[in-house]
């Protein structure tokens, strides 16, 4: 195992090394169900990695799925996208992609989700040789709740107190570029979006309240502030691409506007695309392919172009 700098562990496994991958018809390798961390008392936290068939190790993008911090699956994309569309586009651009689990809000409140995502980045750096990826530069990309977590990963590389102790401990969890699709950036200004009454009546009680309430349950004002990406913006943050639908009622476009403004004020490179007519998960957009292509090009320019 390539675990230089990690903490020794005398008890049950904190993570497992990757097994042999399968190979797709296009030559891409797929590492499936890799246990990157064990949070005792919870399900094992796993990730999948797809690596393109390139002469040299490919730069890596970490994908964080959405689902209101309450549901979702690392292997699934929003219904408005084709199955695997983002992953295939990244591979076609010469980028490896890792898709990760994280604990949901009813399993554990914040910062568990951030600890998990950071543990995944550390694991990927530690096992870069076995996976055949280049982790000297890493991108992170997510949608909705995953966009929120991607932004937090990008903005908290300097916060040792938010690192957590899951899995591989030692390597950096810092990333070099962020793509955030319609993520929450400021919990204090996020509208409280409870389900409409006709839907709420069919839901269990825990799903009848805004998911943000579950995410920050039991936190103090100080620790609750850590759950908002806008509170972490510094001049040392990586470049961002923010993409948000103008007609998004679930996470209003104002959320990305706030983060874009904070990044600009700190002189951090940021590009902010507002997709006219698009709602959450790009509902109503007639150019989802264009949104995917734009996002992948941005990552490729940052990760591959930087090596040229």
C-alpha atoms as a PDB file:
ATOM      1  CA  UNK A   1       0.000   0.000   0.000  1.00  0.00           C
ATOM      2  CA  UNK A   2       1.240   3.500  -0.812  1.00  0.00           C
ATOM      3  CA  UNK A   3       0.368   4.994   2.558  1.00  0.00           C
ATOM      4  CA  UNK A   4       3.441   7.072   3.311  1.00  0.00           C
ATOM      5  CA  UNK A   5       2.672   9.577   6.045  1.00  0.00           C
ATOM      6  CA  UNK A   6      -0.412   7.771   7.301  1.00  0.00           C
ATOM      7  CA  UNK A   7      -1.187   6.941  10.913  1.00  0.00           C
ATOM      8  CA  UNK A   8      -0.542   3.364  12.019  1.00  0.00           C
ATOM      9  CA  UNK A   9      -3.645   1.465  13.097  1.00  0.00           C
ATOM     10  CA  UNK A  10      -3.644  -1.593  15.315  1.00  0.00           C
ATOM     11  CA  UNK A  11      -7.380  -2.298  15.288  1.00  0.00           C
ATOM     12  CA  UNK A  12      -9.894  -3.031  12.521  1.00  0.00           C
ATOM     13  CA  UNK A  13      -9.115  -1.746   9.026  1.00  0.00           C
ATOM     14  CA  UNK A  14      -9.637   1.979   8.498  1.00  0.00           C
ATOM     15  CA  UNK A  15      -9.637   1.522   4.719  1.00  0.00           C
ATOM     16  CA  UNK A  16      -8.902  -1.159   2.119  1.00  0.00           C
ATOM     17  CA  UNK A  17      -6.494  -0.994  -0.817  1.00  0.00           C
ATOM     18  CA  UNK A  18      -8.019  -1.040  -4.310  1.00  0.00           C
ATOM     19  CA  UNK A  19      -8.585  -4.454  -5.899  1.00  0.00           C
ATOM     20  CA  UNK A  20      -7.792  -5.232  -9.518  1.00  0.00           C
ATOM     21  CA  UNK A  21      -9.897  -3.202 -11.942  1.00  0.00           C
ATOM     22  CA  UNK A  22     -12.068  -4.364 -14.782  1.00  0.00           C
ATOM     23  CA  UNK A  23     -11.420  -2.973 -18.244  1.00  0.00           C
ATOM     24  CA  UNK A  24     -14.009  -1.463 -20.571  1.00  0.00           C
ATOM     25  CA  UNK A  25     -14.096  -1.927 -24.320  1.00  0.00           C
ATOM     26  CA  UNK A  26     -12.516   1.508 -24.773  1.00  0.00           C
ATOM     27  CA  UNK A  27      -9.599   0.488 -22.548  1.00  0.00           C
ATOM     28  CA  UNK A  28     -10.683   2.496 -19.512  1.00  0.00           C
ATOM     29  CA  UNK A  29     -10.113   0.769 -16.187  1.00  0.00           C
ATOM     30  CA  UNK A  30     -12.837   0.659 -13.539  1.00  0.00           C
ATOM     31  CA  UNK A  31     -12.120   0.209  -9.837  1.00  0.00           C
ATOM     32  CA  UNK A  32     -15.485  -0.574  -8.252  1.00  0.00           C
ATOM     33  CA  UNK A  33     -16.609  -0.387  -4.625  1.00  0.00           C
ATOM     34  CA  UNK A  34     -13.283   0.620  -3.092  1.00  0.00           C
ATOM     35  CA  UNK A  35     -13.587   1.136   0.677  1.00  0.00           C
ATOM     36  CA  UNK A  36     -11.802   4.422   1.265  1.00  0.00           C
ATOM     37  CA  UNK A  37     -12.816   4.795   4.914  1.00  0.00           C
ATOM     38  CA  UNK A  38     -14.540   2.948   7.722  1.00  0.00           C
ATOM     39  CA  UNK A  39     -16.566   5.136  10.058  1.00  0.00           C
ATOM     40  CA  UNK A  40     -17.274   2.796  12.953  1.00  0.00           C
ATOM     41  CA  UNK A  41     -20.966   2.230  13.466  1.00  0.00           C
ATOM     42  CA  UNK A  42     -21.768   3.251   9.876  1.00  0.00           C
ATOM     43  CA  UNK A  43     -21.708   1.588   6.489  1.00  0.00           C
ATOM     44  CA  UNK A  44     -18.285   1.412   4.794  1.00  0.00           C
ATOM     45  CA  UNK A  45     -17.627   4.506   2.704  1.00  0.00           C
ATOM     46  CA  UNK A  46     -16.807   3.543  -0.847  1.00  0.00           C
ATOM     47  CA  UNK A  47     -15.755   5.089  -4.129  1.00  0.00           C
ATOM     48  CA  UNK A  48     -15.482   4.071  -7.768  1.00  0.00           C
ATOM     49  CA  UNK A  49     -12.663   5.172 -10.050  1.00  0.00           C
ATOM     50  CA  UNK A  50     -12.597   5.215 -13.851  1.00  0.00           C
ATOM     51  CA  UNK A  51      -9.182   5.729 -15.459  1.00  0.00           C
ATOM     52  CA  UNK A  52      -8.814   6.478 -19.189  1.00  0.00           C
ATOM     53  CA  UNK A  53      -6.436   4.500 -21.389  1.00  0.00           C
ATOM     54  CA  UNK A  54      -3.744   7.166 -21.674  1.00  0.00           C
ATOM     55  CA  UNK A  55       0.053   6.836 -21.954  1.00  0.00           C
ATOM     56  CA  UNK A  56       0.675   8.724 -18.718  1.00  0.00           C
ATOM     57  CA  UNK A  57      -1.326   8.755 -15.466  1.00  0.00           C
ATOM     58  CA  UNK A  58      -4.416  10.907 -15.928  1.00  0.00           C
ATOM     59  CA  UNK A  59      -5.267  13.910 -13.735  1.00  0.00           C
ATOM     60  CA  UNK A  60      -8.160  13.184 -11.415  1.00  0.00           C
ATOM     61  CA  UNK A  61     -11.596  14.726 -10.845  1.00  0.00           C
ATOM     62  CA  UNK A  62     -13.645  13.783  -7.770  1.00  0.00           C
ATOM     63  CA  UNK A  63     -17.428  13.765  -8.388  1.00  0.00           C
ATOM     64  CA  UNK A  64     -19.766  14.393  -5.423  1.00  0.00           C
ATOM     65  CA  UNK A  65     -23.406  13.427  -5.980  1.00  0.00           C
ATOM     66  CA  UNK A  66     -26.428  15.429  -4.871  1.00  0.00           C
ATOM     67  CA  UNK A  67     -29.579  14.464  -3.007  1.00  0.00           C
ATOM     68  CA  UNK A  68     -30.216  17.164  -0.374  1.00  0.00           C
ATOM     69  CA  UNK A  69     -27.662  15.487   1.962  1.00  0.00           C
ATOM     70  CA  UNK A  70     -30.396  12.884   2.518  1.00  0.00           C
ATOM     71  CA  UNK A  71     -30.191  10.468  -0.396  1.00  0.00           C
ATOM     72  CA  UNK A  72     -28.334   9.782  -3.655  1.00  0.00           C
ATOM     73  CA  UNK A  73     -25.797   7.357  -5.032  1.00  0.00           C
ATOM     74  CA  UNK A  74     -22.215   7.813  -6.184  1.00  0.00           C
ATOM     75  CA  UNK A  75     -22.976   5.874  -9.372  1.00  0.00           C
ATOM     76  CA  UNK A  76     -26.038   7.880 -10.425  1.00  0.00           C
ATOM     77  CA  UNK A  77     -26.459  11.249 -12.121  1.00  0.00           C
ATOM     78  CA  UNK A  78     -29.539  13.500 -12.159  1.00  0.00           C
ATOM     79  CA  UNK A  79     -32.367  12.247 -14.350  1.00  0.00           C
ATOM     80  CA  UNK A  80     -31.876  15.093 -16.826  1.00  0.00           C
ATOM     81  CA  UNK A  81     -28.494  13.644 -17.821  1.00  0.00           C
ATOM     82  CA  UNK A  82     -27.802  10.412 -19.666  1.00  0.00           C
ATOM     83  CA  UNK A  83     -26.511   7.559 -17.489  1.00  0.00           C
ATOM     84  CA  UNK A  84     -22.789   8.059 -16.980  1.00  0.00           C
ATOM     85  CA  UNK A  85     -22.746  11.215 -19.126  1.00  0.00           C
ATOM     86  CA  UNK A  86     -20.474  13.288 -16.897  1.00  0.00           C
ATOM     87  CA  UNK A  87     -18.128  10.377 -16.209  1.00  0.00           C
ATOM     88  CA  UNK A  88     -17.830   9.450 -19.885  1.00  0.00           C
ATOM     89  CA  UNK A  89     -17.189  13.069 -20.853  1.00  0.00           C
ATOM     90  CA  UNK A  90     -14.385  13.360 -18.301  1.00  0.00           C
ATOM     91  CA  UNK A  91     -12.798  10.143 -19.554  1.00  0.00           C
ATOM     92  CA  UNK A  92     -13.044  11.318 -23.167  1.00  0.00           C
ATOM     93  CA  UNK A  93     -11.206  14.493 -22.135  1.00  0.00           C
ATOM     94  CA  UNK A  94      -8.332  12.427 -20.713  1.00  0.00           C
ATOM     95  CA  UNK A  95      -9.341  12.819 -17.075  1.00  0.00           C
ATOM     96  CA  UNK A  96      -9.814  10.097 -14.491  1.00  0.00           C
ATOM     97  CA  UNK A  97     -12.907  10.367 -12.308  1.00  0.00           C
ATOM     98  CA  UNK A  98     -13.654   9.121  -8.805  1.00  0.00           C
ATOM     99  CA  UNK A  99     -17.234   9.083  -7.522  1.00  0.00           C
ATOM    100  CA  UNK A 100     -17.637   8.976  -3.763  1.00  0.00           C
ATOM    101  CA  UNK A 101     -20.039   8.012  -0.987  1.00  0.00           C
ATOM    102  CA  UNK A 102     -20.551  10.248   2.022  1.00  0.00           C
ATOM    103  CA  UNK A 103     -22.713   9.992   5.123  1.00  0.00           C
ATOM    104  CA  UNK A 104     -26.190  11.489   4.879  1.00  0.00           C
ATOM    105  CA  UNK A 105     -27.582  14.040   7.304  1.00  0.00           C
ATOM    106  CA  UNK A 106     -29.726  11.494   9.165  1.00  0.00           C
ATOM    107  CA  UNK A 107     -26.667   9.278   9.621  1.00  0.00           C
ATOM    108  CA  UNK A 108     -24.485  12.058  10.998  1.00  0.00           C
ATOM    109  CA  UNK A 109     -24.704  15.863  10.973  1.00  0.00           C
ATOM    110  CA  UNK A 110     -22.132  18.209   9.507  1.00  0.00           C
ATOM    111  CA  UNK A 111     -19.119  18.145   9.360  1.00  0.00           C
ATOM    112  CA  UNK A 112     -19.295  14.363   8.792  1.00  0.00           C
ATOM    113  CA  UNK A 113     -19.998  14.861   5.068  1.00  0.00           C
ATOM    114  CA  UNK A 114     -16.982  17.142   4.646  1.00  0.00           C
ATOM    115  CA  UNK A 115     -14.772  14.780   6.640  1.00  0.00           C
ATOM    116  CA  UNK A 116     -15.834  11.966   4.296  1.00  0.00           C
ATOM    117  CA  UNK A 117     -15.093  13.892   1.120  1.00  0.00           C
ATOM    118  CA  UNK A 118     -11.698  14.942   2.447  1.00  0.00           C
ATOM    119  CA  UNK A 119     -10.931  11.355   3.440  1.00  0.00           C
ATOM    120  CA  UNK A 120     -11.701  10.288  -0.134  1.00  0.00           C
ATOM    121  CA  UNK A 121      -9.230  12.854  -1.533  1.00  0.00           C
ATOM    122  CA  UNK A 122      -6.533  11.708   0.897  1.00  0.00           C
ATOM    123  CA  UNK A 123      -7.138   8.074  -0.036  1.00  0.00           C
ATOM    124  CA  UNK A 124      -6.903   8.826  -3.755  1.00  0.00           C
ATOM    125  CA  UNK A 125      -3.624  10.654  -3.239  1.00  0.00           C
ATOM    126  CA  UNK A 126      -2.246   7.796  -1.153  1.00  0.00           C
ATOM    127  CA  UNK A 127      -3.135   5.122  -3.717  1.00  0.00           C
ATOM    128  CA  UNK A 128      -2.464   7.157  -6.861  1.00  0.00           C
ATOM    129  CA  UNK A 129       0.192   4.697  -8.029  1.00  0.00           C
ATOM    130  CA  UNK A 130      -2.045   1.643  -7.700  1.00  0.00           C
ATOM    131  CA  UNK A 131      -4.907   3.452  -9.415  1.00  0.00           C
ATOM    132  CA  UNK A 132      -2.743   4.866 -12.187  1.00  0.00           C
ATOM    133  CA  UNK A 133      -3.826   8.471 -11.655  1.00  0.00           C
ATOM    134  CA  UNK A 134      -1.947  11.742 -11.322  1.00  0.00           C
ATOM    135  CA  UNK A 135      -2.905  13.474  -8.085  1.00  0.00           C
ATOM    136  CA  UNK A 136      -0.391  16.294  -8.262  1.00  0.00           C
ATOM    137  CA  UNK A 137      -3.442  18.264  -9.425  1.00  0.00           C
ATOM    138  CA  UNK A 138      -6.995  17.279  -8.446  1.00  0.00           C
ATOM    139  CA  UNK A 139     -10.344  18.756  -9.382  1.00  0.00           C
ATOM    140  CA  UNK A 140     -13.626  18.365  -7.531  1.00  0.00           C
ATOM    141  CA  UNK A 141     -17.090  18.657  -9.085  1.00  0.00           C
ATOM    142  CA  UNK A 142     -20.546  18.228  -7.629  1.00  0.00           C
ATOM    143  CA  UNK A 143     -24.215  19.006  -8.084  1.00  0.00           C
ATOM    144  CA  UNK A 144     -26.707  20.379  -5.546  1.00  0.00           C
ATOM    145  CA  UNK A 145     -25.698  18.975  -2.122  1.00  0.00           C
ATOM    146  CA  UNK A 146     -22.633  17.631  -3.889  1.00  0.00           C
ATOM    147  CA  UNK A 147     -21.863  21.095  -5.251  1.00  0.00           C
ATOM    148  CA  UNK A 148     -22.053  22.437  -1.696  1.00  0.00           C
ATOM    149  CA  UNK A 149     -19.600  19.769  -0.513  1.00  0.00           C
ATOM    150  CA  UNK A 150     -17.318  20.263  -3.532  1.00  0.00           C
ATOM    151  CA  UNK A 151     -17.115  23.977  -2.719  1.00  0.00           C
ATOM    152  CA  UNK A 152     -16.319  23.206   0.917  1.00  0.00           C
ATOM    153  CA  UNK A 153     -13.547  20.780  -0.071  1.00  0.00           C
ATOM    154  CA  UNK A 154     -12.085  23.436  -2.351  1.00  0.00           C
ATOM    155  CA  UNK A 155     -12.216  26.166   0.282  1.00  0.00           C
ATOM    156  CA  UNK A 156     -11.061  24.329   3.418  1.00  0.00           C
ATOM    157  CA  UNK A 157      -7.732  22.792   2.429  1.00  0.00           C
ATOM    158  CA  UNK A 158      -6.104  25.087   5.010  1.00  0.00           C
ATOM    159  CA  UNK A 159      -8.465  24.126   7.857  1.00  0.00           C
ATOM    160  CA  UNK A 160      -6.802  21.313   9.809  1.00  0.00           C
ATOM    161  CA  UNK A 161      -9.683  21.415  12.302  1.00  0.00           C
ATOM    162  CA  UNK A 162     -12.105  20.348   9.537  1.00  0.00           C
ATOM    163  CA  UNK A 163      -9.931  17.523   8.219  1.00  0.00           C
ATOM    164  CA  UNK A 164     -11.347  14.669  10.283  1.00  0.00           C
ATOM    165  CA  UNK A 165      -9.532  11.435  11.129  1.00  0.00           C
ATOM    166  CA  UNK A 166     -11.256   8.894   8.880  1.00  0.00           C
ATOM    167  CA  UNK A 167      -9.369   6.569   6.579  1.00  0.00           C
ATOM    168  CA  UNK A 168      -5.905   7.544   5.371  1.00  0.00           C
ATOM    169  CA  UNK A 169      -4.481  10.334   7.514  1.00  0.00           C
ATOM    170  CA  UNK A 170      -1.524  12.392   6.365  1.00  0.00           C
ATOM    171  CA  UNK A 171      -1.833  13.343   2.677  1.00  0.00           C
ATOM    172  CA  UNK A 172      -3.350  16.680   1.771  1.00  0.00           C
ATOM    173  CA  UNK A 173      -7.064  16.998   1.004  1.00  0.00           C
ATOM    174  CA  UNK A 174      -6.536  20.255  -0.903  1.00  0.00           C
ATOM    175  CA  UNK A 175      -7.748  20.451  -4.503  1.00  0.00           C
ATOM    176  CA  UNK A 176      -6.764  22.674  -7.411  1.00  0.00           C
ATOM    177  CA  UNK A 177     -10.042  23.511  -9.179  1.00  0.00           C
ATOM    178  CA  UNK A 178     -13.766  23.344  -8.358  1.00  0.00           C
ATOM    179  CA  UNK A 179     -16.911  23.022 -10.478  1.00  0.00           C
ATOM    180  CA  UNK A 180     -20.057  23.659  -8.454  1.00  0.00           C
ATOM    181  CA  UNK A 181     -23.466  23.044 -10.054  1.00  0.00           C
ATOM    182  CA  UNK A 182     -26.271  24.860  -8.174  1.00  0.00           C
ATOM    183  CA  UNK A 183     -24.923  24.224  -4.679  1.00  0.00           C
ATOM    184  CA  UNK A 184     -25.936  25.970  -1.467  1.00  0.00           C
ATOM    185  CA  UNK A 185     -23.300  28.506  -0.441  1.00  0.00           C
ATOM    186  CA  UNK A 186     -24.862  30.341   2.509  1.00  0.00           C
ATOM    187  CA  UNK A 187     -27.181  28.532   4.899  1.00  0.00           C
ATOM    188  CA  UNK A 188     -28.144  31.793   6.603  1.00  0.00           C
ATOM    189  CA  UNK A 189     -29.759  33.125   3.420  1.00  0.00           C
ATOM    190  CA  UNK A 190     -30.988  29.832   1.992  1.00  0.00           C
ATOM    191  CA  UNK A 191     -34.830  29.840   1.851  1.00  0.00           C
ATOM    192  CA  UNK A 192     -36.465  27.188   4.006  1.00  0.00           C
ATOM    193  CA  UNK A 193     -37.840  24.808   1.392  1.00  0.00           C
ATOM    194  CA  UNK A 194     -40.229  22.338   3.018  1.00  0.00           C
ATOM    195  CA  UNK A 195     -42.170  20.049   0.630  1.00  0.00           C
ATOM    196  CA  UNK A 196     -45.603  21.232  -0.550  1.00  0.00           C
ATOM    197  CA  UNK A 197     -48.420  19.943   1.734  1.00  0.00           C
ATOM    198  CA  UNK A 198     -49.721  17.430  -0.817  1.00  0.00           C
ATOM    199  CA  UNK A 199     -46.249  15.856  -1.035  1.00  0.00           C
ATOM    200  CA  UNK A 200     -45.412  16.199   2.667  1.00  0.00           C
ATOM    201  CA  UNK A 201     -48.496  14.173   3.578  1.00  0.00           C
ATOM    202  CA  UNK A 202     -46.972  11.143   1.848  1.00  0.00           C
ATOM    203  CA  UNK A 203     -43.518  11.489   3.392  1.00  0.00           C
ATOM    204  CA  UNK A 204     -42.105  10.230   6.689  1.00  0.00           C
ATOM    205  CA  UNK A 205     -41.835  12.933   9.328  1.00  0.00           C
ATOM    206  CA  UNK A 206     -38.074  13.387   8.969  1.00  0.00           C
ATOM    207  CA  UNK A 207     -38.506  14.384   5.302  1.00  0.00           C
ATOM    208  CA  UNK A 208     -41.142  17.040   5.965  1.00  0.00           C
ATOM    209  CA  UNK A 209     -38.644  19.648   7.111  1.00  0.00           C
ATOM    210  CA  UNK A 210     -35.932  21.459   5.111  1.00  0.00           C
ATOM    211  CA  UNK A 211     -32.925  19.128   4.726  1.00  0.00           C
ATOM    212  CA  UNK A 212     -30.584  21.873   5.930  1.00  0.00           C
ATOM    213  CA  UNK A 213     -32.134  21.483   9.371  1.00  0.00           C
ATOM    214  CA  UNK A 214     -30.998  17.857   9.510  1.00  0.00           C
ATOM    215  CA  UNK A 215     -27.557  18.740   8.143  1.00  0.00           C
ATOM    216  CA  UNK A 216     -26.762  21.169  10.959  1.00  0.00           C
ATOM    217  CA  UNK A 217     -28.810  19.540  13.727  1.00  0.00           C
ATOM    218  CA  UNK A 218     -27.282  20.175  17.141  1.00  0.00           C
ATOM    219  CA  UNK A 219     -24.594  22.567  15.935  1.00  0.00           C
ATOM    220  CA  UNK A 220     -23.712  25.805  17.676  1.00  0.00           C
ATOM    221  CA  UNK A 221     -23.802  29.080  15.769  1.00  0.00           C
ATOM    222  CA  UNK A 222     -20.032  28.872  15.310  1.00  0.00           C
ATOM    223  CA  UNK A 223     -19.967  25.330  13.959  1.00  0.00           C
ATOM    224  CA  UNK A 224     -23.078  25.963  11.851  1.00  0.00           C
ATOM    225  CA  UNK A 225     -21.190  28.791  10.117  1.00  0.00           C
ATOM    226  CA  UNK A 226     -18.589  26.248   8.971  1.00  0.00           C
ATOM    227  CA  UNK A 227     -21.279  24.550   6.858  1.00  0.00           C
ATOM    228  CA  UNK A 228     -21.544  27.601   4.556  1.00  0.00           C
ATOM    229  CA  UNK A 229     -18.876  27.812   1.825  1.00  0.00           C
ATOM    230  CA  UNK A 230     -18.995  31.632   1.783  1.00  0.00           C
ATOM    231  CA  UNK A 231     -17.470  31.687   5.275  1.00  0.00           C
ATOM    232  CA  UNK A 232     -14.308  29.933   4.051  1.00  0.00           C
ATOM    233  CA  UNK A 233     -13.298  32.070   1.071  1.00  0.00           C
ATOM    234  CA  UNK A 234      -9.664  33.208   1.210  1.00  0.00           C
ATOM    235  CA  UNK A 235      -7.217  34.588  -1.328  1.00  0.00           C
ATOM    236  CA  UNK A 236      -5.594  31.156  -1.477  1.00  0.00           C
ATOM    237  CA  UNK A 237      -8.713  29.370  -2.765  1.00  0.00           C
ATOM    238  CA  UNK A 238      -8.556  27.435  -6.062  1.00  0.00           C
ATOM    239  CA  UNK A 239     -10.351  28.698  -9.189  1.00  0.00           C
ATOM    240  CA  UNK A 240     -14.090  28.027  -9.420  1.00  0.00           C
ATOM    241  CA  UNK A 241     -16.670  27.485 -12.122  1.00  0.00           C
ATOM    242  CA  UNK A 242     -20.175  28.064 -10.780  1.00  0.00           C
ATOM    243  CA  UNK A 243     -23.114  27.021 -12.977  1.00  0.00           C
ATOM    244  CA  UNK A 244     -26.687  27.660 -11.858  1.00  0.00           C
ATOM    245  CA  UNK A 245     -30.137  27.703 -13.433  1.00  0.00           C
ATOM    246  CA  UNK A 246     -31.867  31.088 -13.423  1.00  0.00           C
ATOM    247  CA  UNK A 247     -35.213  29.381 -12.731  1.00  0.00           C
ATOM    248  CA  UNK A 248     -33.980  27.147  -9.896  1.00  0.00           C
ATOM    249  CA  UNK A 249     -36.604  27.404  -7.131  1.00  0.00           C
ATOM    250  CA  UNK A 250     -35.079  24.742  -4.894  1.00  0.00           C
ATOM    251  CA  UNK A 251     -31.631  26.353  -4.577  1.00  0.00           C
ATOM    252  CA  UNK A 252     -32.056  29.939  -5.815  1.00  0.00           C
ATOM    253  CA  UNK A 253     -29.392  31.335  -8.149  1.00  0.00           C
ATOM    254  CA  UNK A 254     -28.660  33.923  -5.448  1.00  0.00           C
ATOM    255  CA  UNK A 255     -26.723  31.186  -3.651  1.00  0.00           C
ATOM    256  CA  UNK A 256     -24.128  30.985  -6.418  1.00  0.00           C
ATOM    257  CA  UNK A 257     -24.162  34.772  -6.828  1.00  0.00           C
ATOM    258  CA  UNK A 258     -23.133  35.116  -3.186  1.00  0.00           C
ATOM    259  CA  UNK A 259     -20.247  32.687  -3.555  1.00  0.00           C
ATOM    260  CA  UNK A 260     -19.110  34.269  -6.825  1.00  0.00           C
ATOM    261  CA  UNK A 261     -19.109  37.684  -5.148  1.00  0.00           C
ATOM    262  CA  UNK A 262     -17.070  36.454  -2.195  1.00  0.00           C
ATOM    263  CA  UNK A 263     -14.538  34.806  -4.497  1.00  0.00           C
ATOM    264  CA  UNK A 264     -14.183  37.948  -6.629  1.00  0.00           C
ATOM    265  CA  UNK A 265     -13.728  40.082  -3.525  1.00  0.00           C
ATOM    266  CA  UNK A 266     -10.857  37.793  -2.480  1.00  0.00           C
ATOM    267  CA  UNK A 267      -9.374  37.994  -6.018  1.00  0.00           C
ATOM    268  CA  UNK A 268      -9.936  34.267  -6.596  1.00  0.00           C
ATOM    269  CA  UNK A 269     -10.456  33.347 -10.271  1.00  0.00           C
ATOM    270  CA  UNK A 270     -14.148  32.522 -10.733  1.00  0.00           C
ATOM    271  CA  UNK A 271     -16.388  32.024 -13.732  1.00  0.00           C
ATOM    272  CA  UNK A 272     -20.130  32.154 -13.145  1.00  0.00           C
ATOM    273  CA  UNK A 273     -22.579  30.849 -15.746  1.00  0.00           C
ATOM    274  CA  UNK A 274     -26.305  31.483 -15.294  1.00  0.00           C
ATOM    275  CA  UNK A 275     -28.377  29.110 -17.438  1.00  0.00           C
ATOM    276  CA  UNK A 276     -31.498  30.963 -18.507  1.00  0.00           C
ATOM    277  CA  UNK A 277     -34.754  29.034 -18.158  1.00  0.00           C
ATOM    278  CA  UNK A 278     -33.128  26.157 -16.275  1.00  0.00           C
ATOM    279  CA  UNK A 279     -34.407  24.875 -12.955  1.00  0.00           C
ATOM    280  CA  UNK A 280     -32.798  22.527 -10.484  1.00  0.00           C
ATOM    281  CA  UNK A 281     -30.891  19.613 -12.079  1.00  0.00           C
ATOM    282  CA  UNK A 282     -31.160  21.572 -15.375  1.00  0.00           C
ATOM    283  CA  UNK A 283     -34.881  20.931 -15.737  1.00  0.00           C
ATOM    284  CA  UNK A 284     -36.185  23.024 -18.613  1.00  0.00           C
ATOM    285  CA  UNK A 285     -32.777  23.475 -20.253  1.00  0.00           C
ATOM    286  CA  UNK A 286     -32.486  22.558 -23.921  1.00  0.00           C
ATOM    287  CA  UNK A 287     -28.686  22.287 -23.784  1.00  0.00           C
ATOM    288  CA  UNK A 288     -27.674  19.974 -20.962  1.00  0.00           C
ATOM    289  CA  UNK A 289     -24.959  18.565 -23.232  1.00  0.00           C
ATOM    290  CA  UNK A 290     -23.499  22.059 -23.532  1.00  0.00           C
ATOM    291  CA  UNK A 291     -23.441  22.496 -19.754  1.00  0.00           C
ATOM    292  CA  UNK A 292     -21.587  19.199 -19.350  1.00  0.00           C
ATOM    293  CA  UNK A 293     -19.134  20.032 -22.138  1.00  0.00           C
ATOM    294  CA  UNK A 294     -18.433  23.492 -20.700  1.00  0.00           C
ATOM    295  CA  UNK A 295     -17.761  22.060 -17.246  1.00  0.00           C
ATOM    296  CA  UNK A 296     -15.485  19.296 -18.531  1.00  0.00           C
ATOM    297  CA  UNK A 297     -13.517  21.738 -20.694  1.00  0.00           C
ATOM    298  CA  UNK A 298     -12.996  23.969 -17.680  1.00  0.00           C
ATOM    299  CA  UNK A 299     -11.604  21.058 -15.663  1.00  0.00           C
ATOM    300  CA  UNK A 300      -9.442  19.804 -18.522  1.00  0.00           C
ATOM    301  CA  UNK A 301      -7.958  23.260 -19.085  1.00  0.00           C
ATOM    302  CA  UNK A 302      -7.133  23.564 -15.382  1.00  0.00           C
ATOM    303  CA  UNK A 303      -5.756  20.056 -14.901  1.00  0.00           C
ATOM    304  CA  UNK A 304      -4.303  19.003 -18.245  1.00  0.00           C
ATOM    305  CA  UNK A 305      -3.474  22.444 -19.601  1.00  0.00           C
ATOM    306  CA  UNK A 306      -1.458  23.196 -16.479  1.00  0.00           C
ATOM    307  CA  UNK A 307       0.843  20.256 -17.259  1.00  0.00           C
ATOM    308  CA  UNK A 308       1.560  21.307 -20.840  1.00  0.00           C
END
